Amino acid sequence: EKQRLIDEGFGSWNRRDFRSYCQACERHGRNAKEDILNDVAEATGKPKAEVRAYHNVFWKRYKEVNDWERILDRIKKGEQKL
């Protein structure tokens, strides 16, 4: 069961990839999807389709992430600078 869930999820994403994603959201704003995809794909080497899928799932389930309030605050602060 655990392996099936990993296979369905984003098991190849590590902490560095997650940080790259969050930083891209801070830089561009959470709604600048194409800019985020380009940044994260370049920084992590992941295909844009995978980053797009991650982006969609992240914003549906972000409240399940540890410290989601802090992460969302940083993204909002970044958006205010735009």
N, C-alpha and C. Protein backbone atom coordinates (compact mmCIF):
# COMPACT_ATOMS: atom_id res chain seq x y z
N GLU A 1 0.83 -1.20 0.00
CA GLU A 1 0.00 0.00 0.00
C GLU A 1 0.87 1.26 0.00
N LYS A 2 1.88 1.27 0.86
CA LYS A 2 2.76 2.45 0.95
C LYS A 2 3.44 2.71 -0.39
N GLN A 3 3.96 1.65 -1.02
CA GLN A 3 4.65 1.81 -2.30
C GLN A 3 3.69 2.31 -3.38
N ARG A 4 2.46 1.83 -3.36
CA ARG A 4 1.47 2.29 -4.33
C ARG A 4 1.20 3.78 -4.17
N LEU A 5 1.09 4.24 -2.93
CA LEU A 5 0.86 5.66 -2.69
C LEU A 5 2.06 6.50 -3.13
N ILE A 6 3.26 6.00 -2.88
CA ILE A 6 4.47 6.71 -3.32
C ILE A 6 4.49 6.81 -4.84
N ASP A 7 4.15 5.70 -5.50
CA ASP A 7 4.15 5.68 -6.96
C ASP A 7 3.12 6.66 -7.53
N GLU A 8 1.98 6.82 -6.85
CA GLU A 8 0.95 7.74 -7.31
C GLU A 8 1.31 9.19 -7.01
N GLY A 9 2.13 9.40 -6.01
CA GLY A 9 2.47 10.75 -5.56
C GLY A 9 3.72 11.29 -6.25
N PHE A 10 4.48 12.03 -5.49
CA PHE A 10 5.67 12.69 -6.00
C PHE A 10 6.88 12.19 -5.23
N GLY A 11 7.09 10.89 -5.26
CA GLY A 11 8.18 10.26 -4.51
C GLY A 11 9.56 10.71 -4.92
N SER A 12 9.69 11.23 -6.14
CA SER A 12 11.02 11.66 -6.59
C SER A 12 11.33 13.09 -6.14
N TRP A 13 10.36 13.77 -5.52
CA TRP A 13 10.58 15.15 -5.05
C TRP A 13 11.22 15.10 -3.67
N ASN A 14 12.30 15.84 -3.52
CA ASN A 14 12.96 15.90 -2.22
C ASN A 14 12.81 17.30 -1.63
N ARG A 15 13.44 17.52 -0.51
CA ARG A 15 13.31 18.80 0.20
C ARG A 15 13.84 19.96 -0.65
N ARG A 16 14.93 19.73 -1.36
CA ARG A 16 15.50 20.77 -2.22
C ARG A 16 14.52 21.16 -3.33
N ASP A 17 13.86 20.17 -3.91
CA ASP A 17 12.86 20.43 -4.96
C ASP A 17 11.69 21.22 -4.39
N PHE A 18 11.26 20.84 -3.19
CA PHE A 18 10.16 21.54 -2.53
C PHE A 18 10.54 22.99 -2.26
N ARG A 19 11.76 23.21 -1.78
CA ARG A 19 12.21 24.59 -1.52
C ARG A 19 12.28 25.40 -2.80
N SER A 20 12.76 24.79 -3.86
CA SER A 20 12.81 25.48 -5.16
C SER A 20 11.41 25.89 -5.60
N TYR A 21 10.45 25.00 -5.39
CA TYR A 21 9.06 25.30 -5.76
C TYR A 21 8.53 26.47 -4.93
N CYS A 22 8.72 26.42 -3.62
CA CYS A 22 8.21 27.49 -2.74
C CYS A 22 8.88 28.82 -3.07
N GLN A 23 10.16 28.81 -3.33
CA GLN A 23 10.87 30.05 -3.68
C GLN A 23 10.36 30.63 -4.99
N ALA A 24 10.06 29.76 -5.95
CA ALA A 24 9.50 30.24 -7.22
C ALA A 24 8.13 30.88 -6.99
N CYS A 25 7.33 30.30 -6.11
CA CYS A 25 6.02 30.88 -5.78
C CYS A 25 6.21 32.24 -5.11
N GLU A 26 7.22 32.36 -4.25
CA GLU A 26 7.50 33.64 -3.60
C GLU A 26 7.93 34.70 -4.63
N ARG A 27 8.76 34.31 -5.57
CA ARG A 27 9.29 35.23 -6.57
C ARG A 27 8.24 35.72 -7.56
N HIS A 28 7.39 34.80 -8.00
CA HIS A 28 6.48 35.10 -9.10
C HIS A 28 5.02 35.26 -8.68
N GLY A 29 4.67 34.81 -7.48
CA GLY A 29 3.27 34.78 -7.08
C GLY A 29 2.67 33.44 -7.47
N ARG A 30 1.79 32.95 -6.64
CA ARG A 30 1.27 31.59 -6.84
C ARG A 30 0.48 31.42 -8.13
N ASN A 31 -0.02 32.50 -8.71
CA ASN A 31 -0.83 32.40 -9.92
C ASN A 31 -0.03 32.51 -11.21
N ALA A 32 1.26 32.80 -11.12
CA ALA A 32 2.11 32.90 -12.31
C ALA A 32 2.65 31.50 -12.65
N LYS A 33 1.74 30.66 -13.05
CA LYS A 33 2.04 29.24 -13.23
C LYS A 33 3.20 28.99 -14.20
N GLU A 34 3.19 29.62 -15.35
CA GLU A 34 4.23 29.37 -16.34
C GLU A 34 5.61 29.78 -15.83
N ASP A 35 5.68 30.92 -15.14
CA ASP A 35 6.96 31.36 -14.58
C ASP A 35 7.46 30.39 -13.52
N ILE A 36 6.54 29.91 -12.69
CA ILE A 36 6.91 28.93 -11.66
C ILE A 36 7.40 27.65 -12.32
N LEU A 37 6.67 27.18 -13.33
CA LEU A 37 7.05 25.93 -14.02
C LEU A 37 8.45 26.06 -14.62
N ASN A 38 8.71 27.19 -15.28
CA ASN A 38 10.02 27.39 -15.90
C ASN A 38 11.13 27.41 -14.86
N ASP A 39 10.93 28.16 -13.78
CA ASP A 39 11.95 28.25 -12.72
C ASP A 39 12.24 26.89 -12.10
N VAL A 40 11.19 26.19 -11.72
CA VAL A 40 11.36 24.93 -11.00
C VAL A 40 11.95 23.86 -11.93
N ALA A 41 11.49 23.82 -13.17
CA ALA A 41 12.03 22.84 -14.12
C ALA A 41 13.52 23.09 -14.35
N GLU A 42 13.90 24.36 -14.44
CA GLU A 42 15.31 24.69 -14.64
C GLU A 42 16.14 24.35 -13.41
N ALA A 43 15.62 24.66 -12.23
CA ALA A 43 16.38 24.44 -10.99
C ALA A 43 16.50 22.96 -10.62
N THR A 44 15.46 22.19 -10.92
CA THR A 44 15.44 20.79 -10.47
C THR A 44 15.72 19.78 -11.57
N GLY A 45 15.57 20.20 -12.82
CA GLY A 45 15.74 19.25 -13.92
C GLY A 45 14.51 18.38 -14.15
N LYS A 46 13.42 18.69 -13.48
CA LYS A 46 12.20 17.91 -13.65
C LYS A 46 11.42 18.42 -14.87
N PRO A 47 10.70 17.54 -15.54
CA PRO A 47 9.91 17.98 -16.70
C PRO A 47 8.79 18.93 -16.27
N LYS A 48 8.47 19.87 -17.15
CA LYS A 48 7.42 20.84 -16.83
C LYS A 48 6.09 20.18 -16.52
N ALA A 49 5.79 19.08 -17.19
CA ALA A 49 4.52 18.39 -16.93
C ALA A 49 4.46 17.90 -15.49
N GLU A 50 5.58 17.42 -14.96
CA GLU A 50 5.61 16.95 -13.58
C GLU A 50 5.48 18.13 -12.61
N VAL A 51 6.14 19.23 -12.92
CA VAL A 51 6.05 20.43 -12.08
C VAL A 51 4.62 20.97 -12.11
N ARG A 52 3.99 20.94 -13.28
CA ARG A 52 2.60 21.39 -13.41
C ARG A 52 1.68 20.53 -12.53
N ALA A 53 1.87 19.22 -12.57
CA ALA A 53 1.05 18.32 -11.75
C ALA A 53 1.30 18.61 -10.26
N TYR A 54 2.56 18.83 -9.88
CA TYR A 54 2.89 19.15 -8.49
C TYR A 54 2.22 20.44 -8.06
N HIS A 55 2.28 21.44 -8.92
CA HIS A 55 1.67 22.74 -8.64
C HIS A 55 0.17 22.58 -8.36
N ASN A 56 -0.51 21.83 -9.21
CA ASN A 56 -1.95 21.63 -9.06
C ASN A 56 -2.29 20.92 -7.75
N VAL A 57 -1.53 19.89 -7.42
CA VAL A 57 -1.78 19.13 -6.19
C VAL A 57 -1.40 19.96 -4.97
N PHE A 58 -0.29 20.70 -5.06
CA PHE A 58 0.15 21.50 -3.92
C PHE A 58 -0.94 22.46 -3.48
N TRP A 59 -1.54 23.17 -4.40
CA TRP A 59 -2.53 24.18 -4.01
C TRP A 59 -3.88 23.58 -3.61
N LYS A 60 -4.09 22.30 -3.89
CA LYS A 60 -5.28 21.63 -3.38
C LYS A 60 -5.05 21.09 -1.97
N ARG A 61 -3.77 20.74 -1.66
CA ARG A 61 -3.49 20.03 -0.42
C ARG A 61 -2.44 20.70 0.47
N TYR A 62 -2.16 21.97 0.24
CA TYR A 62 -1.05 22.63 0.96
C TYR A 62 -1.23 22.63 2.47
N LYS A 63 -2.45 22.55 2.95
CA LYS A 63 -2.67 22.56 4.40
C LYS A 63 -2.21 21.27 5.08
N GLU A 64 -1.84 20.27 4.28
CA GLU A 64 -1.32 19.02 4.83
C GLU A 64 0.19 19.09 5.07
N VAL A 65 0.83 20.14 4.59
CA VAL A 65 2.29 20.29 4.72
C VAL A 65 2.60 20.86 6.10
N ASN A 66 3.67 20.35 6.71
CA ASN A 66 4.11 20.91 7.99
C ASN A 66 4.46 22.37 7.80
N ASP A 67 4.11 23.20 8.77
CA ASP A 67 4.40 24.64 8.73
C ASP A 67 3.78 25.34 7.54
N TRP A 68 2.61 24.88 7.09
CA TRP A 68 2.00 25.47 5.89
C TRP A 68 1.70 26.95 6.09
N GLU A 69 1.39 27.36 7.32
CA GLU A 69 1.09 28.77 7.54
C GLU A 69 2.31 29.64 7.25
N ARG A 70 3.47 29.19 7.73
CA ARG A 70 4.72 29.93 7.50
C ARG A 70 5.05 29.98 6.01
N ILE A 71 4.88 28.87 5.33
CA ILE A 71 5.16 28.82 3.89
C ILE A 71 4.23 29.76 3.14
N LEU A 72 2.95 29.73 3.47
CA LEU A 72 1.97 30.59 2.80
C LEU A 72 2.26 32.07 3.10
N ASP A 73 2.66 32.38 4.34
CA ASP A 73 3.02 33.76 4.68
C ASP A 73 4.18 34.26 3.82
N ARG A 74 5.19 33.41 3.63
CA ARG A 74 6.34 33.80 2.80
C ARG A 74 5.91 34.04 1.35
N ILE A 75 5.04 33.20 0.85
CA ILE A 75 4.55 33.37 -0.52
C ILE A 75 3.77 34.67 -0.64
N LYS A 76 2.91 34.93 0.35
CA LYS A 76 2.12 36.18 0.32
C LYS A 76 3.02 37.42 0.41
N LYS A 77 4.07 37.34 1.23
CA LYS A 77 5.01 38.47 1.34
C LYS A 77 5.72 38.70 0.00
N GLY A 78 6.08 37.61 -0.66
CA GLY A 78 6.69 37.73 -1.97
C GLY A 78 5.75 38.33 -2.99
N GLU A 79 4.48 37.96 -2.91
CA GLU A 79 3.49 38.50 -3.84
C GLU A 79 3.29 39.99 -3.62
N GLN A 80 3.41 40.46 -2.39
CA GLN A 80 3.24 41.88 -2.11
C GLN A 80 4.36 42.72 -2.71
N LYS A 81 5.52 42.11 -2.93
CA LYS A 81 6.66 42.83 -3.52
C LYS A 81 6.52 42.98 -5.04
N LEU A 82 5.61 42.23 -5.63
CA LEU A 82 5.45 42.27 -7.09
C LEU A 82 4.81 43.57 -7.55
